[in-house]
Amino acid sequence: MTKQVQLVRLGVVSYSNGIKIQEHYVNKLKTLISKPSNHSGTLLLLEHKPVYTIGIRSLKEYDGKVICLNAGPGQLVAYPIVNLKHFTPSIKWFVQSIEQTVIQL
């Protein structure tokens, strides 16, 4: 059985709605994990409405200073939600595959 990842293009959405959409697809994948299916996950493509985000790494790397990154329209964001057990079990392979998929799109 060929494993497939569903591509979902969402356009521009707010950050909070983007989180809710991700949670929906995570829950969907969890329900399918125990059932025979060729669905191995979803790749969400979207743009966020203007938002300031900061990751935990930024706090460590910059000695506790808050660094804000502006993200918003024009910046394509890809959220992979996949069951890695259906693919090559290698983080390097996974990251390279996502990169190549987004480049090809």
PDB file of N, CA and C in Angstrom:
ATOM      1  N   MET A   1       0.841  -1.180   0.000  1.00  0.00           N
ATOM      2  CA  MET A   1       0.000   0.000   0.000  1.00  0.00           C
ATOM      3  C   MET A   1       0.889   1.246   0.000  1.00  0.00           C
ATOM      4  N   THR A   2       0.698   2.128  -0.952  1.00  0.00           N
ATOM      5  CA  THR A   2       1.461   3.369  -1.039  1.00  0.00           C
ATOM      6  C   THR A   2       0.975   4.339   0.026  1.00  0.00           C
ATOM      7  N   LYS A   3       1.908   4.887   0.780  1.00  0.00           N
ATOM      8  CA  LYS A   3       1.557   5.850   1.823  1.00  0.00           C
ATOM      9  C   LYS A   3       1.509   7.242   1.219  1.00  0.00           C
ATOM     10  N   GLN A   4       0.506   8.013   1.611  1.00  0.00           N
ATOM     11  CA  GLN A   4       0.327   9.342   1.062  1.00  0.00           C
ATOM     12  C   GLN A   4       0.190  10.369   2.167  1.00  0.00           C
ATOM     13  N   VAL A   5       0.682  11.568   1.877  1.00  0.00           N
ATOM     14  CA  VAL A   5       0.518  12.713   2.767  1.00  0.00           C
ATOM     15  C   VAL A   5      -0.383  13.704   2.040  1.00  0.00           C
ATOM     16  N   GLN A   6      -1.440  14.097   2.702  1.00  0.00           N
ATOM     17  CA  GLN A   6      -2.396  15.046   2.129  1.00  0.00           C
ATOM     18  C   GLN A   6      -1.818  16.457   2.186  1.00  0.00           C
ATOM     19  N   LEU A   7      -1.894  17.187   1.093  1.00  0.00           N
ATOM     20  CA  LEU A   7      -1.457  18.574   1.034  1.00  0.00           C
ATOM     21  C   LEU A   7      -2.679  19.471   1.208  1.00  0.00           C
ATOM     22  N   VAL A   8      -2.602  20.384   2.183  1.00  0.00           N
ATOM     23  CA  VAL A   8      -3.712  21.306   2.441  1.00  0.00           C
ATOM     24  C   VAL A   8      -3.166  22.730   2.370  1.00  0.00           C
ATOM     25  N   ARG A   9      -3.681  23.500   1.407  1.00  0.00           N
ATOM     26  CA  ARG A   9      -3.286  24.913   1.256  1.00  0.00           C
ATOM     27  C   ARG A   9      -4.356  25.766   1.909  1.00  0.00           C
ATOM     28  N   LEU A  10      -3.976  26.484   2.956  1.00  0.00           N
ATOM     29  CA  LEU A  10      -4.941  27.229   3.763  1.00  0.00           C
ATOM     30  C   LEU A  10      -5.010  28.719   3.448  1.00  0.00           C
ATOM     31  N   GLY A  11      -4.040  29.242   2.717  1.00  0.00           N
ATOM     32  CA  GLY A  11      -4.022  30.681   2.476  1.00  0.00           C
ATOM     33  C   GLY A  11      -3.557  31.422   3.722  1.00  0.00           C
ATOM     34  N   VAL A  12      -4.097  32.617   3.959  1.00  0.00           N
ATOM     35  CA  VAL A  12      -3.694  33.438   5.100  1.00  0.00           C
ATOM     36  C   VAL A  12      -4.650  33.182   6.269  1.00  0.00           C
ATOM     37  N   VAL A  13      -4.092  32.770   7.408  1.00  0.00           N
ATOM     38  CA  VAL A  13      -4.896  32.527   8.613  1.00  0.00           C
ATOM     39  C   VAL A  13      -4.187  33.136   9.817  1.00  0.00           C
ATOM     40  N   SER A  14      -4.952  33.425  10.850  1.00  0.00           N
ATOM     41  CA  SER A  14      -4.353  33.945  12.082  1.00  0.00           C
ATOM     42  C   SER A  14      -3.526  32.844  12.738  1.00  0.00           C
ATOM     43  N   TYR A  15      -2.577  33.232  13.563  1.00  0.00           N
ATOM     44  CA  TYR A  15      -1.721  32.255  14.233  1.00  0.00           C
ATOM     45  C   TYR A  15      -2.564  31.330  15.104  1.00  0.00           C
ATOM     46  N   SER A  16      -3.508  31.892  15.855  1.00  0.00           N
ATOM     47  CA  SER A  16      -4.324  31.069  16.752  1.00  0.00           C
ATOM     48  C   SER A  16      -5.195  30.085  15.972  1.00  0.00           C
ATOM     49  N   ASN A  17      -5.749  30.504  14.840  1.00  0.00           N
ATOM     50  CA  ASN A  17      -6.513  29.568  14.012  1.00  0.00           C
ATOM     51  C   ASN A  17      -5.603  28.506  13.408  1.00  0.00           C
ATOM     52  N   GLY A  18      -4.384  28.891  13.080  1.00  0.00           N
ATOM     53  CA  GLY A  18      -3.423  27.921  12.562  1.00  0.00           C
ATOM     54  C   GLY A  18      -3.138  26.817  13.572  1.00  0.00           C
ATOM     55  N   ILE A  19      -3.021  27.189  14.841  1.00  0.00           N
ATOM     56  CA  ILE A  19      -2.806  26.205  15.910  1.00  0.00           C
ATOM     57  C   ILE A  19      -4.009  25.268  16.006  1.00  0.00           C
ATOM     58  N   LYS A  20      -5.211  25.818  15.946  1.00  0.00           N
ATOM     59  CA  LYS A  20      -6.433  24.997  16.022  1.00  0.00           C
ATOM     60  C   LYS A  20      -6.509  24.021  14.849  1.00  0.00           C
ATOM     61  N   ILE A  21      -6.148  24.485  13.668  1.00  0.00           N
ATOM     62  CA  ILE A  21      -6.162  23.623  12.487  1.00  0.00           C
ATOM     63  C   ILE A  21      -5.143  22.498  12.636  1.00  0.00           C
ATOM     64  N   GLN A  22      -3.952  22.833  13.153  1.00  0.00           N
ATOM     65  CA  GLN A  22      -2.938  21.805  13.394  1.00  0.00           C
ATOM     66  C   GLN A  22      -3.464  20.749  14.363  1.00  0.00           C
ATOM     67  N   GLU A  23      -4.096  21.201  15.449  1.00  0.00           N
ATOM     68  CA  GLU A  23      -4.638  20.276  16.446  1.00  0.00           C
ATOM     69  C   GLU A  23      -5.680  19.352  15.816  1.00  0.00           C
ATOM     70  N   HIS A  24      -6.505  19.883  14.923  1.00  0.00           N
ATOM     71  CA  HIS A  24      -7.504  19.071  14.234  1.00  0.00           C
ATOM     72  C   HIS A  24      -6.837  17.939  13.448  1.00  0.00           C
ATOM     73  N   TYR A  25      -5.796  18.273  12.692  1.00  0.00           N
ATOM     74  CA  TYR A  25      -5.132  17.267  11.872  1.00  0.00           C
ATOM     75  C   TYR A  25      -4.315  16.282  12.712  1.00  0.00           C
ATOM     76  N   VAL A  26      -3.782  16.725  13.841  1.00  0.00           N
ATOM     77  CA  VAL A  26      -3.088  15.806  14.753  1.00  0.00           C
ATOM     78  C   VAL A  26      -4.083  14.787  15.297  1.00  0.00           C
ATOM     79  N   ASN A  27      -5.243  15.257  15.742  1.00  0.00           N
ATOM     80  CA  ASN A  27      -6.264  14.350  16.270  1.00  0.00           C
ATOM     81  C   ASN A  27      -6.767  13.392  15.190  1.00  0.00           C
ATOM     82  N   LYS A  28      -6.927  13.888  13.965  1.00  0.00           N
ATOM     83  CA  LYS A  28      -7.345  13.045  12.846  1.00  0.00           C
ATOM     84  C   LYS A  28      -6.338  11.927  12.613  1.00  0.00           C
ATOM     85  N   LEU A  29      -5.044  12.277  12.626  1.00  0.00           N
ATOM     86  CA  LEU A  29      -3.997  11.279  12.409  1.00  0.00           C
ATOM     87  C   LEU A  29      -3.983  10.259  13.538  1.00  0.00           C
ATOM     88  N   LYS A  30      -4.171  10.705  14.768  1.00  0.00           N
ATOM     89  CA  LYS A  30      -4.188   9.790  15.915  1.00  0.00           C
ATOM     90  C   LYS A  30      -5.291   8.744  15.774  1.00  0.00           C
ATOM     91  N   THR A  31      -6.450   9.145  15.264  1.00  0.00           N
ATOM     92  CA  THR A  31      -7.547   8.191  15.109  1.00  0.00           C
ATOM     93  C   THR A  31      -7.277   7.186  13.994  1.00  0.00           C
ATOM     94  N   LEU A  32      -6.446   7.554  13.023  1.00  0.00           N
ATOM     95  CA  LEU A  32      -6.162   6.667  11.898  1.00  0.00           C
ATOM     96  C   LEU A  32      -4.984   5.734  12.138  1.00  0.00           C
ATOM     97  N   ILE A  33      -4.183   6.015  13.161  1.00  0.00           N
ATOM     98  CA  ILE A  33      -2.953   5.249  13.381  1.00  0.00           C
ATOM     99  C   ILE A  33      -3.240   3.760  13.579  1.00  0.00           C
ATOM    100  N   SER A  34      -4.298   3.429  14.296  1.00  0.00           N
ATOM    101  CA  SER A  34      -4.589   2.026  14.592  1.00  0.00           C
ATOM    102  C   SER A  34      -5.391   1.335  13.489  1.00  0.00           C
ATOM    103  N   LYS A  35      -5.792   2.080  12.445  1.00  0.00           N
ATOM    104  CA  LYS A  35      -6.602   1.513  11.371  1.00  0.00           C
ATOM    105  C   LYS A  35      -5.767   1.379  10.094  1.00  0.00           C
ATOM    106  N   PRO A  36      -6.038   0.327   9.303  1.00  0.00           N
ATOM    107  CA  PRO A  36      -5.338   0.220   8.016  1.00  0.00           C
ATOM    108  C   PRO A  36      -5.728   1.392   7.117  1.00  0.00           C
ATOM    109  N   SER A  37      -4.749   2.105   6.628  1.00  0.00           N
ATOM    110  CA  SER A  37      -5.016   3.278   5.797  1.00  0.00           C
ATOM    111  C   SER A  37      -3.766   3.637   5.015  1.00  0.00           C
ATOM    112  N   ASN A  38      -3.944   4.254   3.854  1.00  0.00           N
ATOM    113  CA  ASN A  38      -2.786   4.742   3.117  1.00  0.00           C
ATOM    114  C   ASN A  38      -2.495   6.199   3.478  1.00  0.00           C
ATOM    115  N   HIS A  39      -3.274   6.769   4.404  1.00  0.00           N
ATOM    116  CA  HIS A  39      -3.070   8.154   4.845  1.00  0.00           C
ATOM    117  C   HIS A  39      -2.004   8.177   5.937  1.00  0.00           C
ATOM    118  N   SER A  40      -0.892   8.844   5.657  1.00  0.00           N
ATOM    119  CA  SER A  40       0.215   8.906   6.610  1.00  0.00           C
ATOM    120  C   SER A  40       0.378  10.271   7.241  1.00  0.00           C
ATOM    121  N   GLY A  41      -0.490  11.220   6.874  1.00  0.00           N
ATOM    122  CA  GLY A  41      -0.393  12.531   7.491  1.00  0.00           C
ATOM    123  C   GLY A  41      -0.804  13.639   6.552  1.00  0.00           C
ATOM    124  N   THR A  42      -0.481  14.847   6.983  1.00  0.00           N
ATOM    125  CA  THR A  42      -0.896  16.054   6.274  1.00  0.00           C
ATOM    126  C   THR A  42       0.251  17.055   6.283  1.00  0.00           C
ATOM    127  N   LEU A  43       0.397  17.765   5.185  1.00  0.00           N
ATOM    128  CA  LEU A  43       1.321  18.898   5.119  1.00  0.00           C
ATOM    129  C   LEU A  43       0.473  20.147   4.945  1.00  0.00           C
ATOM    130  N   LEU A  44       0.442  20.984   5.987  1.00  0.00           N
ATOM    131  CA  LEU A  44      -0.314  22.234   5.933  1.00  0.00           C
ATOM    132  C   LEU A  44       0.583  23.334   5.396  1.00  0.00           C
ATOM    133  N   LEU A  45       0.112  24.052   4.379  1.00  0.00           N
ATOM    134  CA  LEU A  45       0.821  25.211   3.839  1.00  0.00           C
ATOM    135  C   LEU A  45      -0.055  26.436   4.081  1.00  0.00           C
ATOM    136  N   LEU A  46       0.543  27.466   4.655  1.00  0.00           N
ATOM    137  CA  LEU A  46      -0.239  28.657   4.968  1.00  0.00           C
ATOM    138  C   LEU A  46       0.646  29.870   5.158  1.00  0.00           C
ATOM    139  N   GLU A  47      -0.003  31.007   5.252  1.00  0.00           N
ATOM    140  CA  GLU A  47       0.651  32.258   5.642  1.00  0.00           C
ATOM    141  C   GLU A  47      -0.099  32.745   6.870  1.00  0.00           C
ATOM    142  N   HIS A  48       0.642  33.289   7.830  1.00  0.00           N
ATOM    143  CA  HIS A  48      -0.002  33.844   9.014  1.00  0.00           C
ATOM    144  C   HIS A  48      -0.296  35.323   8.799  1.00  0.00           C
ATOM    145  N   LYS A  49      -1.378  35.774   9.409  1.00  0.00           N
ATOM    146  CA  LYS A  49      -1.585  37.215   9.495  1.00  0.00           C
ATOM    147  C   LYS A  49      -0.426  37.737  10.339  1.00  0.00           C
ATOM    148  N   PRO A  50      -0.098  39.037  10.264  1.00  0.00           N
ATOM    149  CA  PRO A  50       1.070  39.541  11.008  1.00  0.00           C
ATOM    150  C   PRO A  50       1.055  39.112  12.482  1.00  0.00           C
ATOM    151  N   VAL A  51       2.194  38.574  12.916  1.00  0.00           N
ATOM    152  CA  VAL A  51       2.317  38.085  14.289  1.00  0.00           C
ATOM    153  C   VAL A  51       3.786  38.163  14.703  1.00  0.00           C
ATOM    154  N   TYR A  52       4.027  38.380  15.973  1.00  0.00           N
ATOM    155  CA  TYR A  52       5.382  38.335  16.515  1.00  0.00           C
ATOM    156  C   TYR A  52       5.521  37.036  17.289  1.00  0.00           C
ATOM    157  N   THR A  53       6.537  36.273  16.949  1.00  0.00           N
ATOM    158  CA  THR A  53       6.757  34.996  17.618  1.00  0.00           C
ATOM    159  C   THR A  53       8.169  34.954  18.180  1.00  0.00           C
ATOM    160  N   ILE A  54       8.364  34.118  19.180  1.00  0.00           N
ATOM    161  CA  ILE A  54       9.695  33.918  19.743  1.00  0.00           C
ATOM    162  C   ILE A  54       9.786  32.476  20.209  1.00  0.00           C
ATOM    163  N   GLY A  55      10.896  31.856  19.940  1.00  0.00           N
ATOM    164  CA  GLY A  55      11.105  30.471  20.353  1.00  0.00           C
ATOM    165  C   GLY A  55      11.941  30.413  21.611  1.00  0.00           C
ATOM    166  N   ILE A  56      11.888  29.292  22.288  1.00  0.00           N
ATOM    167  CA  ILE A  56      12.647  29.108  23.523  1.00  0.00           C
ATOM    168  C   ILE A  56      14.147  29.189  23.258  1.00  0.00           C
ATOM    169  N   ARG A  57      14.592  28.783  22.072  1.00  0.00           N
ATOM    170  CA  ARG A  57      16.020  28.858  21.742  1.00  0.00           C
ATOM    171  C   ARG A  57      16.512  30.299  21.760  1.00  0.00           C
ATOM    172  N   SER A  58      15.681  31.224  21.310  1.00  0.00           N
ATOM    173  CA  SER A  58      16.084  32.627  21.275  1.00  0.00           C
ATOM    174  C   SER A  58      16.430  33.119  22.666  1.00  0.00           C
ATOM    175  N   LEU A  59      15.678  32.688  23.658  1.00  0.00           N
ATOM    176  CA  LEU A  59      15.945  33.126  25.025  1.00  0.00           C
ATOM    177  C   LEU A  59      17.298  32.620  25.499  1.00  0.00           C
ATOM    178  N   LYS A  60      17.642  31.392  25.161  1.00  0.00           N
ATOM    179  CA  LYS A  60      18.917  30.823  25.576  1.00  0.00           C
ATOM    180  C   LYS A  60      20.080  31.436  24.803  1.00  0.00           C
ATOM    181  N   GLU A  61      19.917  31.585  23.501  1.00  0.00           N
ATOM    182  CA  GLU A  61      21.003  32.044  22.652  1.00  0.00           C
ATOM    183  C   GLU A  61      21.354  33.512  22.880  1.00  0.00           C
ATOM    184  N   TYR A  62      20.406  34.292  23.320  1.00  0.00           N
ATOM    185  CA  TYR A  62      20.624  35.726  23.469  1.00  0.00           C
ATOM    186  C   TYR A  62      20.600  36.168  24.927  1.00  0.00           C
ATOM    187  N   ASP A  63      21.044  35.292  25.818  1.00  0.00           N
ATOM    188  CA  ASP A  63      21.196  35.610  27.234  1.00  0.00           C
ATOM    189  C   ASP A  63      19.936  36.207  27.846  1.00  0.00           C
ATOM    190  N   GLY A  64      18.804  35.655  27.519  1.00  0.00           N
ATOM    191  CA  GLY A  64      17.564  36.090  28.139  1.00  0.00           C
ATOM    192  C   GLY A  64      16.914  37.305  27.511  1.00  0.00           C
ATOM    193  N   LYS A  65      17.553  37.914  26.502  1.00  0.00           N
ATOM    194  CA  LYS A  65      16.931  39.062  25.842  1.00  0.00           C
ATOM    195  C   LYS A  65      15.799  38.570  24.956  1.00  0.00           C
ATOM    196  N   VAL A  66      14.719  39.295  24.904  1.00  0.00           N
ATOM    197  CA  VAL A  66      13.588  38.916  24.076  1.00  0.00           C
ATOM    198  C   VAL A  66      13.825  39.415  22.659  1.00  0.00           C
ATOM    199  N   ILE A  67      13.846  38.500  21.722  1.00  0.00           N
ATOM    200  CA  ILE A  67      14.041  38.821  20.311  1.00  0.00           C
ATOM    201  C   ILE A  67      12.762  38.440  19.582  1.00  0.00           C
ATOM    202  N   CYS A  68      12.151  39.383  18.915  1.00  0.00           N
ATOM    203  CA  CYS A  68      10.912  39.122  18.188  1.00  0.00           C
ATOM    204  C   CYS A  68      11.189  39.022  16.701  1.00  0.00           C
ATOM    205  N   LEU A  69      10.571  38.055  16.078  1.00  0.00           N
ATOM    206  CA  LEU A  69      10.675  37.887  14.637  1.00  0.00           C
ATOM    207  C   LEU A  69       9.319  38.198  14.033  1.00  0.00           C
ATOM    208  N   ASN A  70       9.291  39.023  13.035  1.00  0.00           N
ATOM    209  CA  ASN A  70       8.037  39.385  12.396  1.00  0.00           C
ATOM    210  C   ASN A  70       7.697  38.330  11.353  1.00  0.00           C
ATOM    211  N   ALA A  71       6.544  37.704  11.501  1.00  0.00           N
ATOM    212  CA  ALA A  71       6.082  36.714  10.531  1.00  0.00           C
ATOM    213  C   ALA A  71       4.711  37.139  10.049  1.00  0.00           C
ATOM    214  N   GLY A  72       4.453  36.931   8.795  1.00  0.00           N
ATOM    215  CA  GLY A  72       3.143  37.315   8.296  1.00  0.00           C
ATOM    216  C   GLY A  72       2.979  37.029   6.832  1.00  0.00           C
ATOM    217  N   PRO A  73       2.020  37.697   6.193  1.00  0.00           N
ATOM    218  CA  PRO A  73       1.735  37.448   4.776  1.00  0.00           C
ATOM    219  C   PRO A  73       2.997  37.544   3.923  1.00  0.00           C
ATOM    220  N   GLY A  74       3.097  36.635   2.968  1.00  0.00           N
ATOM    221  CA  GLY A  74       4.274  36.589   2.112  1.00  0.00           C
ATOM    222  C   GLY A  74       5.298  35.577   2.584  1.00  0.00           C
ATOM    223  N   GLN A  75       5.154  35.103   3.811  1.00  0.00           N
ATOM    224  CA  GLN A  75       6.070  34.108   4.353  1.00  0.00           C
ATOM    225  C   GLN A  75       5.325  32.772   4.405  1.00  0.00           C
ATOM    226  N   LEU A  76       5.719  31.829   3.541  1.00  0.00           N
ATOM    227  CA  LEU A  76       5.087  30.523   3.496  1.00  0.00           C
ATOM    228  C   LEU A  76       5.533  29.700   4.701  1.00  0.00           C
ATOM    229  N   VAL A  77       4.561  29.117   5.381  1.00  0.00           N
ATOM    230  CA  VAL A  77       4.842  28.266   6.531  1.00  0.00           C
ATOM    231  C   VAL A  77       4.331  26.865   6.200  1.00  0.00           C
ATOM    232  N   ALA A  78       5.140  25.862   6.479  1.00  0.00           N
ATOM    233  CA  ALA A  78       4.753  24.473   6.248  1.00  0.00           C
ATOM    234  C   ALA A  78       4.764  23.730   7.571  1.00  0.00           C
ATOM    235  N   TYR A  79       3.631  23.130   7.917  1.00  0.00           N
ATOM    236  CA  TYR A  79       3.515  22.332   9.135  1.00  0.00           C
ATOM    237  C   TYR A  79       3.283  20.875   8.744  1.00  0.00           C
ATOM    238  N   PRO A  80       4.289  20.025   8.871  1.00  0.00           N
ATOM    239  CA  PRO A  80       4.087  18.607   8.586  1.00  0.00           C
ATOM    240  C   PRO A  80       3.489  17.910   9.808  1.00  0.00           C
ATOM    241  N   ILE A  81       2.427  17.166   9.583  1.00  0.00           N
ATOM    242  CA  ILE A  81       1.795  16.370  10.632  1.00  0.00           C
ATOM    243  C   ILE A  81       1.734  14.951  10.083  1.00  0.00           C
ATOM    244  N   VAL A  82       2.735  14.156  10.401  1.00  0.00           N
ATOM    245  CA  VAL A  82       2.865  12.842   9.778  1.00  0.00           C
ATOM    246  C   VAL A  82       3.190  11.764  10.804  1.00  0.00           C
ATOM    247  N   ASN A  83       2.868  10.540  10.434  1.00  0.00           N
ATOM    248  CA  ASN A  83       3.248   9.375  11.213  1.00  0.00           C
ATOM    249  C   ASN A  83       4.584   8.897  10.661  1.00  0.00           C
ATOM    250  N   LEU A  84       5.664   9.206  11.352  1.00  0.00           N
ATOM    251  CA  LEU A  84       7.000   8.886  10.849  1.00  0.00           C
ATOM    252  C   LEU A  84       7.262   7.386  10.758  1.00  0.00           C
ATOM    253  N   LYS A  85       6.447   6.577  11.419  1.00  0.00           N
ATOM    254  CA  LYS A  85       6.620   5.127  11.334  1.00  0.00           C
ATOM    255  C   LYS A  85       6.351   4.614   9.923  1.00  0.00           C
ATOM    256  N   HIS A  86       5.650   5.417   9.110  1.00  0.00           N
ATOM    257  CA  HIS A  86       5.353   5.010   7.736  1.00  0.00           C
ATOM    258  C   HIS A  86       6.476   5.367   6.763  1.00  0.00           C
ATOM    259  N   PHE A  87       7.524   5.994   7.266  1.00  0.00           N
ATOM    260  CA  PHE A  87       8.597   6.473   6.399  1.00  0.00           C
ATOM    261  C   PHE A  87       9.942   6.032   6.940  1.00  0.00           C
ATOM    262  N   THR A  88      11.005   6.423   6.248  1.00  0.00           N
ATOM    263  CA  THR A  88      12.359   6.129   6.694  1.00  0.00           C
ATOM    264  C   THR A  88      12.583   6.754   8.067  1.00  0.00           C
ATOM    265  N   PRO A  89      12.990   5.963   9.047  1.00  0.00           N
ATOM    266  CA  PRO A  89      13.143   6.501  10.407  1.00  0.00           C
ATOM    267  C   PRO A  89      14.444   7.280  10.601  1.00  0.00           C
ATOM    268  N   SER A  90      14.516   8.441   9.980  1.00  0.00           N
ATOM    269  CA  SER A  90      15.710   9.269  10.074  1.00  0.00           C
ATOM    270  C   SER A  90      15.293  10.727  10.059  1.00  0.00           C
ATOM    271  N   ILE A  91      15.701  11.478  11.050  1.00  0.00           N
ATOM    272  CA  ILE A  91      15.356  12.893  11.118  1.00  0.00           C
ATOM    273  C   ILE A  91      15.963  13.634   9.934  1.00  0.00           C
ATOM    274  N   LYS A  92      17.198  13.288   9.579  1.00  0.00           N
ATOM    275  CA  LYS A  92      17.852  13.943   8.442  1.00  0.00           C
ATOM    276  C   LYS A  92      17.036  13.726   7.169  1.00  0.00           C
ATOM    277  N   TRP A  93      16.615  12.469   6.920  1.00  0.00           N
ATOM    278  CA  TRP A  93      15.791  12.172   5.749  1.00  0.00           C
ATOM    279  C   TRP A  93      14.490  12.967   5.789  1.00  0.00           C
ATOM    280  N   PHE A  94      13.860  13.024   6.954  1.00  0.00           N
ATOM    281  CA  PHE A  94      12.582  13.713   7.100  1.00  0.00           C
ATOM    282  C   PHE A  94      12.713  15.199   6.770  1.00  0.00           C
ATOM    283  N   VAL A  95      13.706  15.859   7.340  1.00  0.00           N
ATOM    284  CA  VAL A  95      13.906  17.295   7.106  1.00  0.00           C
ATOM    285  C   VAL A  95      14.210  17.554   5.631  1.00  0.00           C
ATOM    286  N   GLN A  96      15.081  16.744   5.030  1.00  0.00           N
ATOM    287  CA  GLN A  96      15.404  16.924   3.616  1.00  0.00           C
ATOM    288  C   GLN A  96      14.181  16.695   2.726  1.00  0.00           C
ATOM    289  N   SER A  97      13.351  15.727   3.082  1.00  0.00           N
ATOM    290  CA  SER A  97      12.140  15.456   2.295  1.00  0.00           C
ATOM    291  C   SER A  97      11.159  16.613   2.365  1.00  0.00           C
ATOM    292  N   ILE A  98      10.985  17.187   3.538  1.00  0.00           N
ATOM    293  CA  ILE A  98      10.091  18.344   3.687  1.00  0.00           C
ATOM    294  C   ILE A  98      10.640  19.522   2.880  1.00  0.00           C
ATOM    295  N   GLU A  99      11.956  19.753   2.983  1.00  0.00           N
ATOM    296  CA  GLU A  99      12.571  20.847   2.218  1.00  0.00           C
ATOM    297  C   GLU A  99      12.327  20.672   0.726  1.00  0.00           C
ATOM    298  N   GLN A 100      12.566  19.488   0.208  1.00  0.00           N
ATOM    299  CA  GLN A 100      12.411  19.226  -1.211  1.00  0.00           C
ATOM    300  C   GLN A 100      10.944  19.354  -1.652  1.00  0.00           C
ATOM    301  N   THR A 101      10.037  18.901  -0.814  1.00  0.00           N
ATOM    302  CA  THR A 101       8.609  19.016  -1.133  1.00  0.00           C
ATOM    303  C   THR A 101       8.189  20.467  -1.254  1.00  0.00           C
ATOM    304  N   VAL A 102       8.605  21.291  -0.295  1.00  0.00           N
ATOM    305  CA  VAL A 102       8.236  22.715  -0.319  1.00  0.00           C
ATOM    306  C   VAL A 102       8.894  23.418  -1.507  1.00  0.00           C
ATOM    307  N   ILE A 103      10.136  23.097  -1.802  1.00  0.00           N
ATOM    308  CA  ILE A 103      10.816  23.697  -2.968  1.00  0.00           C
ATOM    309  C   ILE A 103      10.080  23.359  -4.254  1.00  0.00           C
ATOM    310  N   GLN A 104       9.671  22.090  -4.392  1.00  0.00           N
ATOM    311  CA  GLN A 104       8.967  21.660  -5.594  1.00  0.00           C
ATOM    312  C   GLN A 104       7.581  22.290  -5.721  1.00  0.00           C
ATOM    313  N   LEU A 105       6.951  22.574  -4.589  1.00  0.00           N
ATOM    314  CA  LEU A 105       5.637  23.230  -4.635  1.00  0.00           C
ATOM    315  C   LEU A 105       5.769  24.649  -5.092  1.00  0.00           C
TER     316      LEU A 105
END
